[in-house]
Amino acid sequence: MVHHGFFRLFNDRLLLAPVDLTGKRVLDIGTGTGLWAIQLGDQFPEAASIVGNDLSPIQPSWTPPNVKFVVDDVEQDWVDLETYDYIHCRYMAGSIKDWPRLFKQIYNHLSPGGFVEFQESDNVLVSEDGTLKDDNAIVKMMTGLMDACDKIGRNMNPAPSFEGWAKDAGFSNVVKQNFKLPVGTWAKDKRLKECGLYARQNFLEGVQGFTAQLFSGVLGWTP
């Protein structure tokens, strides 16, 4: 659902970087279900290889010929000496303890002239008309998640820091693009309405998984 939401938000584009993938090596960090990597392999069969890594082997066994999945922890030292021409990292808020170190490892494993692209939501919710208040249920949930993640040393809202971390790691030509992502189907634009539907369903279907352990085990909340 997250994959489709980002895809539609970006006007049916899998990536925004101006990269020609012909003969290139691609790495998808935290690939999850592998949908992004699989769709990229279908769309760009001319790419030399697309590697998706994740802690959990939940990806399908069938993949395009140029796609493969590996079980790996990106927070450990990258022992693979190979470099990549394009590295993709999406929706990893709350999953990484040391973001600056990850940026540096990516920098060290990127081919000269290569691209890295981070796609992440800013998890501080806002409203253009000022009607979203601190007592809103979703706002309270996100605040609680950020508090819990802070206690275990994981940043739940890393996106605003990406630009600075990229520059500190040595990257040049750093570009930041902002997109408005509705939560719910209130947007008048048809595409944004669809994106809002995905975002709302992601909250509704994921609320227990997002909060159960963090709220009870870390914050000590009780039902």
Protein backbone atom coordinates (compact mmCIF):
# COMPACT_ATOMS: atom_id res chain seq x y z
CA MET A 1 0.00 0.00 0.00
CA VAL A 2 2.85 2.37 0.84
CA HIS A 3 4.50 1.48 -2.45
CA HIS A 4 1.41 2.33 -4.48
CA GLY A 5 0.89 5.55 -2.53
CA PHE A 6 4.39 6.81 -3.28
CA PHE A 7 4.14 5.66 -6.89
CA ARG A 8 0.96 7.64 -7.48
CA LEU A 9 2.25 10.63 -5.51
CA PHE A 10 5.24 10.80 -7.85
CA ASN A 11 3.01 10.74 -10.94
CA ASP A 12 3.56 7.02 -11.56
CA ARG A 13 7.34 7.24 -11.29
CA LEU A 14 9.45 4.79 -9.32
CA LEU A 15 12.37 7.18 -9.00
CA LEU A 16 12.96 10.88 -9.37
CA ALA A 17 16.72 10.96 -9.93
CA PRO A 18 17.80 11.67 -13.54
CA VAL A 19 19.61 8.36 -13.94
CA ASP A 20 19.87 6.09 -16.99
CA LEU A 21 19.70 2.54 -15.63
CA THR A 22 21.01 0.85 -18.77
CA GLY A 23 23.71 -1.55 -17.65
CA LYS A 24 23.64 -0.10 -14.13
CA ARG A 25 23.62 -1.75 -10.70
CA VAL A 26 20.80 -0.79 -8.32
CA LEU A 27 20.43 -1.35 -4.56
CA ASP A 28 17.10 -1.07 -2.74
CA ILE A 29 17.70 -0.64 1.00
CA GLY A 30 15.00 -2.09 3.25
CA THR A 31 13.13 -3.55 0.30
CA GLY A 32 10.28 -4.98 2.42
CA THR A 33 7.90 -6.90 0.18
CA GLY A 34 10.16 -6.16 -2.78
CA LEU A 35 7.42 -4.51 -4.84
CA TRP A 36 9.55 -1.51 -5.77
CA ALA A 37 12.48 -3.64 -6.92
CA ILE A 38 10.24 -6.01 -8.88
CA GLN A 39 8.41 -3.18 -10.61
CA LEU A 40 11.72 -1.49 -11.41
CA GLY A 41 13.02 -4.73 -12.91
CA ASP A 42 9.92 -5.03 -15.08
CA GLN A 43 10.13 -1.41 -16.18
CA PHE A 44 13.90 -1.38 -16.75
CA PRO A 45 14.98 -4.81 -18.02
CA GLU A 46 18.09 -3.10 -19.37
CA ALA A 47 19.38 -2.54 -15.80
CA ALA A 48 22.26 -4.91 -15.10
CA SER A 49 21.13 -5.92 -11.60
CA ILE A 50 18.67 -4.81 -8.94
CA VAL A 51 19.41 -6.02 -5.41
CA GLY A 52 16.87 -5.61 -2.62
CA ASN A 53 17.99 -6.21 0.95
CA ASP A 54 16.00 -6.56 4.14
CA LEU A 55 16.20 -8.17 7.57
CA SER A 56 13.20 -10.37 6.75
CA PRO A 57 12.98 -12.81 3.79
CA ILE A 58 9.37 -11.93 2.95
CA GLN A 59 9.89 -11.20 -0.74
CA PRO A 60 8.34 -13.40 -3.44
CA SER A 61 10.45 -16.12 -5.04
CA TRP A 62 9.49 -15.09 -8.57
CA THR A 63 11.32 -12.02 -9.78
CA PRO A 64 12.34 -10.45 -13.08
CA PRO A 65 15.66 -11.86 -14.35
CA ASN A 66 17.68 -8.87 -13.17
CA VAL A 67 16.24 -8.76 -9.62
CA LYS A 68 17.41 -10.65 -6.55
CA PHE A 69 16.82 -10.34 -2.81
CA VAL A 70 19.26 -10.83 0.06
CA VAL A 71 18.85 -10.91 3.83
CA ASP A 72 21.12 -8.25 5.29
CA ASP A 73 21.35 -5.60 8.00
CA VAL A 74 22.31 -2.27 6.45
CA GLU A 75 23.35 -0.93 9.85
CA GLN A 76 26.21 -3.41 10.03
CA ASP A 77 29.45 -2.91 8.10
CA TRP A 78 28.86 -3.39 4.38
CA VAL A 79 31.22 -6.25 3.51
CA ASP A 80 30.19 -6.24 -0.15
CA LEU A 81 32.97 -4.46 -2.01
CA GLU A 82 30.78 -3.85 -5.05
CA THR A 83 29.53 -0.37 -5.78
CA TYR A 84 26.14 0.69 -7.12
CA ASP A 85 25.08 3.28 -9.65
CA TYR A 86 21.75 4.03 -7.97
CA ILE A 87 20.76 3.37 -4.36
CA HIS A 88 17.16 3.69 -3.23
CA CYS A 89 15.94 3.97 0.37
CA ARG A 90 12.27 4.49 1.20
CA TYR A 91 10.02 4.59 4.27
CA MET A 92 12.66 3.63 6.84
CA ALA A 93 11.70 6.09 9.59
CA GLY A 94 12.02 4.43 12.99
CA SER A 95 14.13 1.61 11.55
CA ILE A 96 17.64 3.10 11.63
CA LYS A 97 19.68 3.94 14.74
CA ASP A 98 22.56 5.80 13.09
CA TRP A 99 21.42 7.66 10.00
CA PRO A 100 24.67 9.62 9.45
CA ARG A 101 26.61 6.33 9.42
CA LEU A 102 24.18 4.87 6.88
CA PHE A 103 24.63 7.92 4.66
CA LYS A 104 28.41 7.47 4.84
CA GLN A 105 28.23 3.77 3.99
CA ILE A 106 26.01 4.57 1.02
CA TYR A 107 28.49 7.22 -0.10
CA ASN A 108 31.35 4.71 0.09
CA HIS A 109 29.45 2.16 -2.00
CA LEU A 110 28.19 4.50 -4.69
CA SER A 111 29.93 4.51 -8.06
CA PRO A 112 31.42 7.83 -9.24
CA GLY A 113 28.60 9.87 -10.75
CA GLY A 114 25.99 7.65 -9.11
CA PHE A 115 22.76 8.68 -7.40
CA VAL A 116 21.15 7.92 -4.06
CA GLU A 117 17.49 8.69 -3.48
CA PHE A 118 15.66 8.79 -0.16
CA GLN A 119 11.87 8.79 -0.24
CA GLU A 120 10.42 9.48 3.18
CA SER A 121 7.43 11.17 4.77
CA ASP A 122 7.72 14.01 7.26
CA ASN A 123 5.92 12.49 10.22
CA VAL A 124 4.92 15.81 11.79
CA LEU A 125 1.37 16.15 10.47
CA VAL A 126 0.13 19.59 9.45
CA SER A 127 -2.96 21.15 7.90
CA GLU A 128 -2.99 24.07 5.52
CA ASP A 129 -6.04 25.64 7.15
CA GLY A 130 -4.84 25.18 10.72
CA THR A 131 -7.71 22.88 11.73
CA LEU A 132 -5.44 19.99 12.77
CA LYS A 133 -4.91 20.29 16.53
CA ASP A 134 -2.64 18.52 19.00
CA ASP A 135 -5.58 16.56 20.42
CA ASN A 136 -6.28 14.91 17.06
CA ALA A 137 -6.03 11.12 17.42
CA ILE A 138 -3.54 10.63 14.57
CA VAL A 139 -1.40 13.56 15.77
CA LYS A 140 -1.33 12.05 19.27
CA MET A 141 -0.38 8.67 17.82
CA MET A 142 2.50 10.12 15.79
CA THR A 143 3.71 12.13 18.79
CA GLY A 144 3.67 8.97 20.89
CA LEU A 145 5.56 7.03 18.24
CA MET A 146 8.25 9.69 18.04
CA ASP A 147 8.58 9.77 21.84
CA ALA A 148 8.89 5.98 21.99
CA CYS A 149 11.40 5.83 19.15
CA ASP A 150 13.49 8.54 20.81
CA LYS A 151 13.67 6.38 23.95
CA ILE A 152 15.11 3.43 22.01
CA GLY A 153 17.46 5.55 19.95
CA ARG A 154 15.60 5.47 16.65
CA ASN A 155 14.57 8.61 14.80
CA MET A 156 10.91 8.46 13.78
CA ASN A 157 11.15 11.67 11.76
CA PRO A 158 14.49 11.65 9.94
CA ALA A 159 13.34 13.24 6.67
CA PRO A 160 14.00 16.90 7.65
CA SER A 161 17.64 15.97 8.38
CA PHE A 162 18.37 14.09 5.15
CA GLU A 163 19.76 17.08 3.28
CA GLY A 164 22.26 17.91 6.02
CA TRP A 165 23.34 14.30 6.50
CA ALA A 166 23.87 13.91 2.76
CA LYS A 167 26.13 16.95 2.61
CA ASP A 168 28.03 15.86 5.72
CA ALA A 169 28.66 12.45 4.13
CA GLY A 170 30.25 14.12 1.12
CA PHE A 171 27.45 14.12 -1.43
CA SER A 172 27.24 16.95 -3.94
CA ASN A 173 24.35 18.25 -6.04
CA VAL A 174 21.92 17.45 -3.23
CA VAL A 175 18.31 18.05 -4.31
CA LYS A 176 15.26 18.06 -2.04
CA GLN A 177 11.71 17.77 -3.40
CA ASN A 178 8.61 18.20 -1.26
CA PHE A 179 5.22 16.65 -2.04
CA LYS A 180 1.92 17.18 -0.27
CA LEU A 181 0.46 13.85 0.86
CA PRO A 182 -3.15 13.97 2.08
CA VAL A 183 -4.43 11.57 4.72
CA GLY A 184 -7.96 10.72 3.66
CA THR A 185 -9.97 11.32 0.51
CA TRP A 186 -10.71 15.02 0.98
CA ALA A 187 -8.41 16.31 -1.80
CA LYS A 188 -10.15 17.58 -4.93
CA ASP A 189 -7.42 16.35 -7.26
CA LYS A 190 -8.20 12.77 -8.35
CA ARG A 191 -4.64 11.52 -8.01
CA LEU A 192 -4.13 13.11 -4.58
CA LYS A 193 -7.48 11.71 -3.47
CA GLU A 194 -6.18 8.25 -4.38
CA CYS A 195 -2.91 8.92 -2.53
CA GLY A 196 -4.90 10.02 0.51
CA LEU A 197 -6.89 6.80 0.41
CA TYR A 198 -3.70 4.75 0.53
CA ALA A 199 -2.33 6.88 3.37
CA ARG A 200 -5.52 6.54 5.40
CA GLN A 201 -5.67 2.78 4.91
CA ASN A 202 -2.03 2.48 5.88
CA PHE A 203 -2.83 4.17 9.19
CA LEU A 204 -6.01 2.15 9.77
CA GLU A 205 -4.52 -1.23 8.94
CA GLY A 206 -1.15 -0.59 10.53
CA VAL A 207 -2.08 1.17 13.76
CA GLN A 208 -1.77 -1.93 15.94
CA GLY A 209 1.52 -2.97 14.39
CA PHE A 210 2.87 0.56 14.63
CA THR A 211 1.93 1.15 18.26
CA ALA A 212 1.43 -2.04 20.30
CA GLN A 213 5.01 -2.78 21.31
CA LEU A 214 6.22 0.82 21.39
CA PHE A 215 3.33 2.19 23.40
CA SER A 216 3.11 -0.67 25.91
CA GLY A 217 6.69 -1.91 26.06
CA VAL A 218 8.52 1.41 25.76
CA LEU A 219 6.12 4.09 27.01
CA GLY A 220 4.38 1.81 29.52
CA TRP A 221 0.89 2.62 28.29
CA THR A 222 -1.99 0.31 29.13
CA PRO A 223 -5.21 -0.23 27.13
